[in-house]
């Protein structure tokens, strides 16, 4: 079973690495096992705040709503931990940048990806018209329902594309307490993609509408020509992104 999980994890990492770029020709797989790349922290991780684990939206967080053709999804954003990613997403939302964009890439039991105005994974840009750096925090992880930035090989290639983690399988096996808070290890028992931690910017967490996310993830897909069966036959679209709450 452990070997099976390891093989599944490896294939998922490869899959995300291939097409998360704003420009597909520059995207490659540079994700490796997070525990191998993470230096043991001197911080007591069990004492750090873990905002993803509480559905309550605090005064210093944003609340946004993705209005999709399959239903609505509410997500809280973390500007203190991922300021650039949140600023970029919120400004795009207010400007209508995500209007009528689709979830163009869907991998069942892994993630759904959107945010590309071209709709094929090769488009999109940041509000600064250039890529921005990946932001990491010991408070945020790629647990089930996490909202993260998609990027190319470069850690400074974040643009407009994002993904929501959908995996439901227990992936807590092998996560070390030196690198993960115990509550996050418990959260990974409910699903997620820990192999992406430290590689992609986590900047939000679904608070309502995970059933809608799962419906999108369960949609029929086909090979779009890349060799990967992840192109939806009937893509779900984002009608708009509403900003329901801003930090006080």
Protein backbone atom coordinates (compact mmCIF):
# COMPACT_ATOMS: atom_id res chain seq x y z
CA UNK A 1 0.00 0.00 0.00
CA UNK A 2 2.83 2.39 0.86
CA UNK A 3 4.49 1.67 -2.48
CA UNK A 4 1.21 2.32 -4.28
CA UNK A 5 0.82 5.66 -2.50
CA UNK A 6 4.39 6.63 -3.36
CA UNK A 7 3.83 5.82 -7.03
CA UNK A 8 0.57 7.77 -7.09
CA UNK A 9 2.25 10.76 -5.44
CA UNK A 10 5.12 10.69 -7.91
CA UNK A 11 2.79 10.62 -10.90
CA UNK A 12 0.71 13.48 -9.52
CA UNK A 13 3.79 15.63 -9.00
CA UNK A 14 4.86 14.97 -12.58
CA UNK A 15 1.37 15.82 -13.81
CA UNK A 16 1.26 19.18 -12.04
CA UNK A 17 4.77 20.07 -13.13
CA UNK A 18 3.97 19.64 -16.82
CA UNK A 19 1.25 22.22 -17.36
CA UNK A 20 1.01 24.72 -14.51
CA UNK A 21 2.80 27.42 -16.45
CA UNK A 22 1.49 30.62 -17.91
CA UNK A 23 3.42 29.50 -21.00
CA UNK A 24 3.32 25.74 -21.44
CA UNK A 25 6.61 25.53 -23.32
CA UNK A 26 8.50 26.70 -20.22
CA UNK A 27 6.87 24.34 -17.76
CA UNK A 28 8.72 21.33 -16.42
CA UNK A 29 8.57 19.10 -13.37
CA UNK A 30 10.76 20.54 -10.63
CA UNK A 31 8.74 19.31 -7.66
CA UNK A 32 10.44 16.86 -5.33
CA UNK A 33 9.52 15.32 -2.02
CA UNK A 34 9.01 18.23 0.34
CA UNK A 35 10.64 16.56 3.32
CA UNK A 36 13.84 16.12 1.33
CA UNK A 37 13.97 19.82 0.48
CA UNK A 38 12.87 21.23 3.83
CA UNK A 39 15.39 22.06 6.53
CA UNK A 40 14.32 21.11 10.02
CA UNK A 41 12.86 24.20 11.68
CA UNK A 42 13.86 25.54 15.07
CA UNK A 43 10.31 26.85 15.42
CA UNK A 44 7.83 24.80 17.42
CA UNK A 45 5.42 24.10 14.59
CA UNK A 46 2.73 22.94 16.98
CA UNK A 47 2.48 26.50 18.28
CA UNK A 48 2.11 28.34 14.96
CA UNK A 49 -1.32 29.54 13.85
CA UNK A 50 -2.98 27.29 11.26
CA UNK A 51 -5.72 29.41 9.66
CA UNK A 52 -6.73 26.75 7.13
CA UNK A 53 -8.14 24.54 9.87
CA UNK A 54 -10.80 27.05 10.93
CA UNK A 55 -13.67 27.91 8.57
CA UNK A 56 -14.26 31.17 10.41
CA UNK A 57 -13.06 34.19 8.44
CA UNK A 58 -11.10 36.52 10.72
CA UNK A 59 -10.89 40.31 10.45
CA UNK A 60 -7.48 40.13 8.76
CA UNK A 61 -8.58 37.71 6.02
CA UNK A 62 -10.45 38.05 2.73
CA UNK A 63 -13.53 36.04 1.80
CA UNK A 64 -14.21 35.52 -1.89
CA UNK A 65 -16.84 33.57 -3.77
CA UNK A 66 -16.26 31.77 -7.04
CA UNK A 67 -19.55 31.82 -8.93
CA UNK A 68 -19.35 28.88 -11.34
CA UNK A 69 -21.68 27.16 -13.76
CA UNK A 70 -21.69 24.17 -11.38
CA UNK A 71 -22.36 26.15 -8.19
CA UNK A 72 -20.64 28.57 -5.82
CA UNK A 73 -17.46 28.11 -3.79
CA UNK A 74 -16.43 30.34 -0.89
CA UNK A 75 -12.73 30.67 -0.13
CA UNK A 76 -10.91 32.63 2.54
CA UNK A 77 -7.58 34.20 1.60
CA UNK A 78 -4.49 34.76 3.74
CA UNK A 79 -2.85 38.14 2.99
CA UNK A 80 -0.51 37.98 5.99
CA UNK A 81 1.06 34.70 4.89
CA UNK A 82 0.90 35.14 1.09
CA UNK A 83 0.56 38.89 0.43
CA UNK A 84 1.58 38.94 -3.25
CA UNK A 85 -0.62 36.02 -4.28
CA UNK A 86 -3.63 37.43 -2.44
CA UNK A 87 -3.16 40.95 -3.80
CA UNK A 88 -2.86 39.54 -7.30
CA UNK A 89 -5.96 37.33 -7.01
CA UNK A 90 -8.15 40.00 -5.40
CA UNK A 91 -7.20 42.69 -7.93
CA UNK A 92 -7.88 40.29 -10.80
CA UNK A 93 -11.23 39.41 -9.19
CA UNK A 94 -12.26 43.04 -8.83
CA UNK A 95 -11.20 43.82 -12.39
CA UNK A 96 -13.26 40.94 -13.78
CA UNK A 97 -10.17 39.17 -15.08
CA UNK A 98 -11.54 35.74 -14.20
CA UNK A 99 -14.96 36.34 -15.78
CA UNK A 100 -15.95 33.42 -18.02
CA UNK A 101 -12.66 31.59 -17.51
CA UNK A 102 -12.82 27.81 -17.24
CA UNK A 103 -11.36 25.09 -15.11
CA UNK A 104 -9.25 23.99 -18.04
CA UNK A 105 -7.34 21.20 -16.32
CA UNK A 106 -8.93 18.57 -14.09
CA UNK A 107 -7.19 15.57 -12.55
CA UNK A 108 -9.53 13.46 -10.46
CA UNK A 109 -8.27 12.81 -6.92
CA UNK A 110 -5.66 15.56 -7.31
CA UNK A 111 -6.74 19.08 -8.27
CA UNK A 112 -8.75 21.38 -10.53
CA UNK A 113 -6.93 24.25 -12.26
CA UNK A 114 -8.24 27.52 -13.65
CA UNK A 115 -7.47 31.21 -13.98
CA UNK A 116 -6.31 31.23 -17.61
CA UNK A 117 -8.23 33.64 -19.88
CA UNK A 118 -7.07 31.62 -22.91
CA UNK A 119 -8.61 28.49 -21.43
CA UNK A 120 -5.85 26.09 -22.42
CA UNK A 121 -3.20 26.55 -19.72
CA UNK A 122 -0.88 28.70 -21.83
CA UNK A 123 -2.19 32.16 -20.91
CA UNK A 124 -2.66 34.56 -18.05
CA UNK A 125 -0.45 37.07 -16.30
CA UNK A 126 -0.13 38.76 -12.94
CA UNK A 127 -1.39 42.26 -12.17
CA UNK A 128 2.25 43.39 -12.48
CA UNK A 129 2.45 42.03 -16.06
CA UNK A 130 5.28 39.70 -15.04
CA UNK A 131 5.74 36.65 -12.87
CA UNK A 132 6.13 36.98 -9.11
CA UNK A 133 7.91 34.85 -6.55
CA UNK A 134 6.54 31.78 -4.85
CA UNK A 135 5.59 32.50 -1.25
CA UNK A 136 5.86 29.78 1.39
CA UNK A 137 4.73 29.75 5.01
CA UNK A 138 4.91 27.23 7.85
CA UNK A 139 1.27 28.11 8.49
CA UNK A 140 -0.12 27.02 5.09
CA UNK A 141 -0.16 23.60 3.41
CA UNK A 142 -1.65 21.82 0.39
CA UNK A 143 -4.35 20.05 2.38
CA UNK A 144 -7.66 19.14 0.73
CA UNK A 145 -9.46 22.34 -0.25
CA UNK A 146 -6.30 24.47 -0.39
CA UNK A 147 -6.16 27.21 -3.03
CA UNK A 148 -2.66 27.50 -4.51
CA UNK A 149 -0.89 29.32 -7.32
CA UNK A 150 0.08 27.37 -10.44
CA UNK A 151 3.44 28.22 -11.97
CA UNK A 152 6.12 27.12 -14.42
CA UNK A 153 9.59 25.82 -13.60
CA UNK A 154 10.79 29.15 -12.25
CA UNK A 155 9.74 29.97 -8.70
CA UNK A 156 9.20 33.53 -9.96
CA UNK A 157 6.70 32.60 -12.67
CA UNK A 158 3.40 32.92 -10.78
CA UNK A 159 0.81 34.67 -12.95
CA UNK A 160 -2.97 34.30 -12.82
CA UNK A 161 -3.51 30.54 -12.81
CA UNK A 162 -4.49 28.71 -9.64
CA UNK A 163 -5.60 25.28 -8.49
CA UNK A 164 -7.72 23.78 -5.71
CA UNK A 165 -6.53 20.52 -4.15
CA UNK A 166 -9.22 17.81 -4.29
CA UNK A 167 -7.54 14.55 -3.26
CA UNK A 168 -9.51 12.69 -0.54
CA UNK A 169 -7.02 9.89 0.12
CA UNK A 170 -5.06 9.70 3.37
CA UNK A 171 -1.58 11.04 2.56
CA UNK A 172 -0.34 11.50 6.12
CA UNK A 173 1.91 8.43 6.10
CA UNK A 174 5.57 9.44 6.32
CA UNK A 175 5.01 13.10 7.23
CA UNK A 176 7.54 13.94 9.93
CA UNK A 177 6.74 16.06 13.00
CA UNK A 178 10.04 17.89 12.42
CA UNK A 179 8.52 19.44 9.29
CA UNK A 180 4.76 19.41 9.89
CA UNK A 181 2.49 20.54 12.73
CA UNK A 182 0.66 17.56 14.22
CA UNK A 183 -2.72 19.10 13.33
CA UNK A 184 -1.66 19.40 9.68
CA UNK A 185 -0.58 15.76 9.64
CA UNK A 186 -4.06 14.93 10.95
CA UNK A 187 -5.59 17.12 8.23
CA UNK A 188 -3.65 15.20 5.59
CA UNK A 189 -5.48 12.07 6.72
CA UNK A 190 -8.50 13.67 5.03
CA UNK A 191 -6.60 14.21 1.79
CA UNK A 192 -4.32 16.72 0.10
CA UNK A 193 -1.02 16.87 -1.77
CA UNK A 194 1.89 17.30 0.69
CA UNK A 195 4.40 16.66 -2.11
CA UNK A 196 3.61 20.19 -3.32
CA UNK A 197 4.42 21.90 -0.01
CA UNK A 198 7.25 24.39 -0.31
CA UNK A 199 6.95 24.40 -4.11
CA UNK A 200 3.66 26.21 -4.76
CA UNK A 201 2.12 29.21 -2.99
CA UNK A 202 -0.87 28.27 -0.82
CA UNK A 203 -2.94 31.43 -0.37
CA UNK A 204 -6.48 30.31 0.43
CA UNK A 205 -8.77 27.59 1.74
CA UNK A 206 -12.27 26.54 0.70
CA UNK A 207 -14.77 27.22 3.50
CA UNK A 208 -18.01 26.38 1.67
CA UNK A 209 -18.79 24.57 -1.55
CA UNK A 210 -16.28 21.72 -1.50
CA UNK A 211 -19.09 19.58 -2.92
CA UNK A 212 -19.06 21.86 -5.97
CA UNK A 213 -15.28 21.49 -6.26
CA UNK A 214 -15.71 17.70 -6.14
CA UNK A 215 -18.35 17.83 -8.88
CA UNK A 216 -15.91 19.72 -11.09
CA UNK A 217 -13.18 17.21 -10.26
CA UNK A 218 -15.49 14.33 -11.20
CA UNK A 219 -16.24 15.72 -14.65
CA UNK A 220 -15.44 13.78 -17.79
CA UNK A 221 -12.00 14.51 -19.24
CA UNK A 222 -10.07 13.67 -22.39
CA UNK A 223 -6.54 13.89 -23.72
CA UNK A 224 -6.17 17.40 -25.05
CA UNK A 225 -3.15 16.45 -27.15
CA UNK A 226 -0.49 16.50 -24.44
CA UNK A 227 -0.75 12.84 -23.53
CA UNK A 228 -2.41 13.73 -20.24
CA UNK A 229 -6.11 12.95 -19.81
CA UNK A 230 -7.10 16.14 -18.01
CA UNK A 231 -8.96 18.35 -20.49
CA UNK A 232 -12.66 18.62 -19.54
CA UNK A 233 -15.09 17.64 -22.28
CA UNK A 234 -17.56 20.18 -20.88
CA UNK A 235 -15.48 22.73 -18.93
CA UNK A 236 -17.02 24.37 -15.88
CA UNK A 237 -16.72 28.16 -16.08
CA UNK A 238 -16.21 30.87 -13.49
CA UNK A 239 -18.90 33.49 -14.11
CA UNK A 240 -17.30 35.90 -11.66
CA UNK A 241 -15.28 36.11 -8.46
CA UNK A 242 -16.98 38.19 -5.77
CA UNK A 243 -15.03 39.78 -2.92
CA UNK A 244 -17.37 39.36 0.07
CA UNK A 245 -15.04 40.54 2.85
CA UNK A 246 -11.83 42.52 3.03
CA UNK A 247 -9.45 42.86 5.99
CA UNK A 248 -10.42 45.57 8.47
